[in-house]
Amino acid sequence: MKTKALLYSVAAGLALFLSTAAQAQSNVNEAFQTARAAVSPELQTKVVSIYGTGTPVAIQKWYIIFYDGAVASHGRAVLVENNQIVKTYTANGGATYSADLTFDPSRITGEGPALSAAQGYAAQHNIAYDTVHALLKQTSLTKPFRWRIELFSSGVCKGYVYVNAVDDTVALFAPPGSATATGGGTSSSAEDEGNGFAHDVKKTFLGIGGDLEQFFTGERTVDK
């Protein structure tokens, strides 16, 4: 009887923990509402990029960069985790952000459908993965507004699924090291469509990678 009671107690505690963890996670819109409090009102409608890391079904950390002409990079980053502001800092990823490529927060689309679309594509093409990096960024005034979902398995990139933010359909897939993923030459019409977008995103990821490395280790080697 004591064993059963202990098991029930453990099960109840685990259920409560999972429930609390699920409630603590914030979707992209909630993360933005939290992050905007860290910047002045005139910056709150000028989003440069939104970057998240997490599991195939949920993002745990959001890095939201606002345009800020008062700093050298023109970017002010806010890290949101568990719907709490963890850190606010100048984005020093080696790039200077453009005021022309900011987007209004009303255009932010929920990451859930994009993650689901990536899951569906991965299942259809037998791509196993356990974590994701998600990026929403306006790369050009004339190019589609898309989520870029990078798939990882045990820390190894398995490819990139581009999902249209307008209708949550998969636009294209870029294998790791492909022309689309690296911004080099193209080998298909689909890759040609996404090439410029991927090149811009690659530079953004290198910049964010430098910011993350500096944040966690105090050093910066990614973009040197």
Protein backbone atom coordinates (compact mmCIF):
# COMPACT_ATOMS: atom_id res chain seq x y z
CA MET A 1 0.00 0.00 0.00
CA LYS A 2 2.84 2.36 0.84
CA THR A 3 4.46 1.61 -2.52
CA LYS A 4 1.22 2.41 -4.39
CA ALA A 5 0.79 5.61 -2.42
CA LEU A 6 4.35 6.62 -3.23
CA LEU A 7 3.83 5.89 -6.93
CA TYR A 8 0.62 7.91 -6.98
CA SER A 9 2.42 10.77 -5.24
CA VAL A 10 5.28 10.69 -7.75
CA ALA A 11 2.86 10.53 -10.67
CA ALA A 12 0.87 13.45 -9.33
CA GLY A 13 4.02 15.48 -8.80
CA LEU A 14 5.22 14.71 -12.31
CA ALA A 15 1.86 15.70 -13.80
CA LEU A 16 1.94 18.97 -11.87
CA PHE A 17 5.51 19.64 -13.01
CA LEU A 18 4.67 19.00 -16.67
CA SER A 19 1.56 21.13 -16.41
CA THR A 20 3.52 23.99 -14.84
CA ALA A 21 6.26 23.69 -17.45
CA ALA A 22 3.71 23.80 -20.24
CA GLN A 23 2.09 26.89 -18.76
CA ALA A 24 5.49 28.55 -18.33
CA GLN A 25 6.34 28.24 -22.02
CA SER A 26 5.35 31.25 -24.05
CA ASN A 27 4.37 31.35 -27.68
CA VAL A 28 5.88 33.97 -29.95
CA ASN A 29 3.09 36.50 -29.46
CA GLU A 30 3.27 36.21 -25.67
CA ALA A 31 7.06 36.46 -25.82
CA PHE A 32 6.79 39.64 -27.87
CA GLN A 33 4.32 41.19 -25.42
CA THR A 34 6.81 40.42 -22.64
CA ALA A 35 9.85 41.65 -24.58
CA ARG A 36 8.32 44.97 -25.64
CA ALA A 37 8.34 46.14 -22.02
CA ALA A 38 12.14 46.16 -22.18
CA VAL A 39 12.34 48.80 -24.93
CA SER A 40 11.03 52.33 -25.32
CA PRO A 41 7.57 52.80 -26.90
CA GLU A 42 8.95 54.12 -30.19
CA LEU A 43 10.88 50.86 -30.74
CA GLN A 44 8.05 48.46 -29.92
CA THR A 45 6.61 48.44 -33.45
CA LYS A 46 9.98 47.96 -35.17
CA VAL A 47 10.90 44.28 -34.98
CA VAL A 48 14.05 43.20 -36.83
CA SER A 49 13.93 39.46 -36.21
CA ILE A 50 12.52 36.80 -33.92
CA TYR A 51 14.61 33.72 -33.15
CA GLY A 52 13.60 30.78 -30.98
CA THR A 53 15.10 27.51 -29.78
CA GLY A 54 13.26 24.48 -28.46
CA THR A 55 11.75 21.09 -29.20
CA PRO A 56 9.86 20.01 -32.33
CA VAL A 57 6.58 21.03 -30.66
CA ALA A 58 7.45 24.05 -28.50
CA ILE A 59 9.94 26.91 -28.31
CA GLN A 60 11.50 27.51 -24.88
CA LYS A 61 13.67 30.57 -25.53
CA TRP A 62 12.88 33.60 -27.67
CA TYR A 63 15.41 36.20 -28.82
CA ILE A 64 13.55 39.25 -30.13
CA ILE A 65 15.55 42.01 -31.78
CA PHE A 66 14.11 45.50 -32.11
CA TYR A 67 15.50 48.20 -34.39
CA ASP A 68 17.37 50.81 -32.35
CA GLY A 69 19.23 53.49 -34.27
CA ALA A 70 20.93 54.67 -31.08
CA VAL A 71 23.32 51.68 -30.99
CA ALA A 72 26.04 50.76 -33.50
CA SER A 73 24.37 47.59 -34.79
CA HIS A 74 20.92 49.23 -34.82
CA GLY A 75 19.63 46.20 -32.94
CA ARG A 76 18.50 45.74 -29.34
CA ALA A 77 17.93 42.12 -28.31
CA VAL A 78 15.63 40.84 -25.59
CA LEU A 79 15.86 37.24 -24.37
CA VAL A 80 12.55 35.84 -23.08
CA GLU A 81 12.32 32.47 -21.32
CA ASN A 82 9.33 31.09 -19.40
CA ASN A 83 7.57 34.34 -20.28
CA GLN A 84 10.16 36.31 -18.31
CA ILE A 85 12.78 38.76 -19.56
CA VAL A 86 16.15 37.14 -18.89
CA LYS A 87 18.45 39.67 -20.53
CA THR A 88 18.39 42.81 -22.65
CA TYR A 89 21.49 43.74 -24.61
CA THR A 90 22.81 45.37 -27.78
CA ALA A 91 22.84 42.86 -30.64
CA ASN A 92 26.47 42.64 -31.73
CA GLY A 93 26.30 39.89 -34.32
CA GLY A 94 28.51 41.62 -36.84
CA ALA A 95 25.60 43.00 -38.89
CA THR A 96 23.96 46.41 -39.04
CA TYR A 97 20.18 46.12 -39.09
CA SER A 98 18.14 48.09 -41.60
CA ALA A 99 15.18 50.27 -40.66
CA ASP A 100 13.62 49.36 -44.01
CA LEU A 101 13.41 45.66 -43.08
CA THR A 102 11.65 45.98 -39.75
CA PHE A 103 8.14 44.57 -39.51
CA ASP A 104 5.12 45.51 -37.46
CA PRO A 105 4.27 43.10 -34.61
CA SER A 106 0.82 42.60 -36.12
CA ARG A 107 2.55 40.51 -38.81
CA ILE A 108 3.97 38.06 -36.28
CA THR A 109 2.36 34.70 -36.92
CA GLY A 110 2.14 31.94 -34.33
CA GLU A 111 4.99 29.45 -34.50
CA GLY A 112 2.73 26.45 -33.80
CA PRO A 113 1.51 25.94 -37.40
CA ALA A 114 5.05 26.42 -38.73
CA LEU A 115 6.41 23.80 -36.33
CA SER A 116 3.56 21.45 -37.30
CA ALA A 117 4.28 21.99 -41.00
CA ALA A 118 7.95 21.17 -40.38
CA GLN A 119 6.92 18.03 -38.48
CA GLY A 120 4.71 16.95 -41.36
CA TYR A 121 7.45 17.49 -43.91
CA ALA A 122 10.00 15.65 -41.76
CA ALA A 123 7.63 12.70 -41.28
CA GLN A 124 6.94 12.44 -45.03
CA HIS A 125 10.64 12.46 -45.82
CA ASN A 126 11.88 10.32 -42.91
CA ILE A 127 13.90 13.10 -41.27
CA ALA A 128 14.45 12.39 -37.58
CA TYR A 129 15.12 15.40 -35.34
CA ASP A 130 14.84 16.35 -31.68
CA THR A 131 15.35 20.12 -31.49
CA VAL A 132 14.66 23.16 -33.66
CA HIS A 133 15.80 26.72 -34.23
CA ALA A 134 13.06 28.96 -35.63
CA LEU A 135 13.59 32.32 -37.30
CA LEU A 136 11.07 34.91 -38.52
CA LYS A 137 12.67 37.78 -40.41
CA GLN A 138 11.85 40.19 -43.22
CA THR A 139 14.79 39.78 -45.62
CA SER A 140 13.44 41.89 -48.46
CA LEU A 141 10.41 44.03 -49.18
CA THR A 142 9.78 41.94 -52.30
CA LYS A 143 10.36 38.44 -50.85
CA PRO A 144 7.90 36.19 -49.00
CA PHE A 145 7.54 36.50 -45.23
CA ARG A 146 8.56 33.07 -43.93
CA TRP A 147 9.47 31.07 -40.89
CA ARG A 148 12.73 29.20 -41.21
CA ILE A 149 12.70 26.02 -39.11
CA GLU A 150 16.14 24.46 -38.72
CA LEU A 151 16.01 20.78 -37.72
CA PHE A 152 18.62 19.21 -35.43
CA SER A 153 19.28 15.66 -34.31
CA SER A 154 21.68 15.35 -31.36
CA GLY A 155 23.08 18.76 -32.24
CA VAL A 156 23.61 17.99 -35.93
CA CYS A 157 21.69 20.05 -38.50
CA LYS A 158 19.41 17.91 -40.66
CA GLY A 159 18.10 20.70 -42.89
CA TYR A 160 15.88 23.75 -43.09
CA VAL A 161 12.14 23.88 -43.67
CA TYR A 162 10.82 27.21 -44.95
CA VAL A 163 7.17 27.79 -44.05
CA ASN A 164 5.08 30.61 -45.52
CA ALA A 165 3.89 32.85 -42.68
CA VAL A 166 0.74 33.75 -44.60
CA ASP A 167 -0.80 30.29 -44.99
CA ASP A 168 1.58 27.98 -43.05
CA THR A 169 2.45 25.92 -46.13
CA VAL A 170 5.92 24.51 -46.73
CA ALA A 171 7.66 26.63 -49.37
CA LEU A 172 10.85 24.63 -49.74
CA PHE A 173 13.40 22.46 -47.96
CA ALA A 174 17.14 23.05 -47.92
CA PRO A 175 19.46 20.20 -46.87
CA PRO A 176 22.44 21.17 -44.68
CA GLY A 177 25.25 22.47 -46.84
CA SER A 178 23.05 22.89 -49.93
CA ALA A 179 23.15 25.93 -52.18
CA THR A 180 19.99 27.33 -50.60
CA ALA A 181 21.24 26.84 -47.05
CA THR A 182 24.63 28.40 -47.71
CA GLY A 183 23.66 31.13 -50.15
CA GLY A 184 25.76 29.75 -52.99
CA GLY A 185 24.69 28.63 -56.46
CA THR A 186 21.34 26.97 -57.06
CA SER A 187 20.45 23.53 -58.35
CA SER A 188 16.67 23.79 -58.71
CA SER A 189 13.92 26.34 -59.19
CA ALA A 190 12.87 25.90 -55.55
CA GLU A 191 16.39 26.59 -54.35
CA ASP A 192 16.65 29.58 -56.67
CA GLU A 193 13.48 31.03 -55.11
CA GLY A 194 14.89 30.74 -51.61
CA ASN A 195 18.54 31.49 -52.30
CA GLY A 196 18.65 35.19 -51.43
CA PHE A 197 16.48 34.62 -48.38
CA ALA A 198 18.76 31.83 -47.15
CA HIS A 199 21.88 33.93 -47.66
CA ASP A 200 20.44 36.76 -45.56
CA VAL A 201 19.27 34.31 -42.91
CA LYS A 202 22.68 32.65 -42.77
CA LYS A 203 24.26 36.02 -41.90
CA THR A 204 21.58 36.58 -39.28
CA PHE A 205 22.21 33.17 -37.68
CA LEU A 206 25.95 33.83 -37.54
CA GLY A 207 25.23 37.14 -35.83
CA ILE A 208 22.81 35.61 -33.35
CA GLY A 209 25.27 32.77 -32.75
CA GLY A 210 27.90 35.32 -31.82
CA ASP A 211 25.48 37.05 -29.47
CA LEU A 212 24.57 33.75 -27.80
CA GLU A 213 28.20 32.68 -27.44
CA GLN A 214 29.11 36.02 -25.89
CA PHE A 215 26.12 35.89 -23.57
CA PHE A 216 26.86 32.40 -22.22
CA THR A 217 30.69 32.28 -22.29
CA GLY A 218 31.82 35.90 -22.28
CA GLU A 219 33.80 35.24 -25.47
CA ARG A 220 33.04 35.72 -29.16
CA THR A 221 34.59 33.51 -31.85
CA VAL A 222 31.70 32.69 -34.23
CA ASP A 223 31.95 35.75 -36.44
CA LYS A 224 35.67 36.52 -36.15
